[in-house]
Amino acid sequence: MVTLSDDEVVLIRSLLTALRAIKVREIDKALVILSKGERGTSC
């Protein structure tokens, strides 16, 4: 098992938080694009 210092834990946590934010933003963009596409075909 690897032992991490407090600084390393903070760094890893901030990186994971940033990655999660990017993923959520990309998913939101995809959902918006899909919903626009659905509205266009149903009219």
C-alpha atoms as a PDB file:
ATOM      1  CA  MET A   1       0.000   0.000   0.000  1.00  0.00           C
ATOM      2  CA  VAL A   2       1.186   3.502  -0.847  1.00  0.00           C
ATOM      3  CA  THR A   3       1.305   6.197   1.809  1.00  0.00           C
ATOM      4  CA  LEU A   4       0.508   9.704   0.602  1.00  0.00           C
ATOM      5  CA  SER A   5       1.419  12.981   2.226  1.00  0.00           C
ATOM      6  CA  ASP A   6      -1.282  15.542   2.981  1.00  0.00           C
ATOM      7  CA  ASP A   7      -0.108  17.661   0.034  1.00  0.00           C
ATOM      8  CA  GLU A   8      -0.406  14.708  -2.344  1.00  0.00           C
ATOM      9  CA  VAL A   9      -3.907  13.908  -1.110  1.00  0.00           C
ATOM     10  CA  VAL A  10      -4.997  17.511  -1.691  1.00  0.00           C
ATOM     11  CA  LEU A  11      -3.493  17.490  -5.181  1.00  0.00           C
ATOM     12  CA  ILE A  12      -5.174  14.219  -6.158  1.00  0.00           C
ATOM     13  CA  ARG A  13      -8.506  15.397  -4.774  1.00  0.00           C
ATOM     14  CA  SER A  14      -8.315  18.663  -6.732  1.00  0.00           C
ATOM     15  CA  LEU A  15      -7.399  16.814  -9.934  1.00  0.00           C
ATOM     16  CA  LEU A  16     -10.325  14.418  -9.537  1.00  0.00           C
ATOM     17  CA  THR A  17     -12.680  17.321  -8.863  1.00  0.00           C
ATOM     18  CA  ALA A  18     -11.462  19.109 -12.000  1.00  0.00           C
ATOM     19  CA  LEU A  19     -11.895  15.962 -14.099  1.00  0.00           C
ATOM     20  CA  ARG A  20     -15.409  15.458 -12.773  1.00  0.00           C
ATOM     21  CA  ALA A  21     -16.309  19.057 -13.646  1.00  0.00           C
ATOM     22  CA  ILE A  22     -15.028  18.581 -17.212  1.00  0.00           C
ATOM     23  CA  LYS A  23     -16.985  15.361 -17.662  1.00  0.00           C
ATOM     24  CA  VAL A  24     -20.201  16.898 -16.331  1.00  0.00           C
ATOM     25  CA  ARG A  25     -19.829  19.880 -18.655  1.00  0.00           C
ATOM     26  CA  GLU A  26     -19.254  17.626 -21.671  1.00  0.00           C
ATOM     27  CA  ILE A  27     -22.252  15.457 -20.752  1.00  0.00           C
ATOM     28  CA  ASP A  28     -24.430  18.565 -20.399  1.00  0.00           C
ATOM     29  CA  LYS A  29     -23.326  19.768 -23.842  1.00  0.00           C
ATOM     30  CA  ALA A  30     -24.147  16.387 -25.378  1.00  0.00           C
ATOM     31  CA  LEU A  31     -27.598  16.370 -23.763  1.00  0.00           C
ATOM     32  CA  VAL A  32     -28.330  19.850 -25.096  1.00  0.00           C
ATOM     33  CA  ILE A  33     -27.281  18.830 -28.601  1.00  0.00           C
ATOM     34  CA  LEU A  34     -29.404  15.673 -28.425  1.00  0.00           C
ATOM     35  CA  SER A  35     -32.445  17.541 -27.140  1.00  0.00           C
ATOM     36  CA  LYS A  36     -32.107  20.092 -29.978  1.00  0.00           C
ATOM     37  CA  GLY A  37     -31.943  17.222 -32.462  1.00  0.00           C
ATOM     38  CA  GLU A  38     -35.059  15.595 -31.036  1.00  0.00           C
ATOM     39  CA  ARG A  39     -37.008  18.852 -31.210  1.00  0.00           C
ATOM     40  CA  GLY A  40     -35.960  19.339 -34.822  1.00  0.00           C
ATOM     41  CA  THR A  41     -37.178  15.926 -35.957  1.00  0.00           C
ATOM     42  CA  SER A  42     -40.459  15.953 -34.047  1.00  0.00           C
ATOM     43  CA  CYS A  43     -41.725  19.237 -35.567  1.00  0.00           C
END
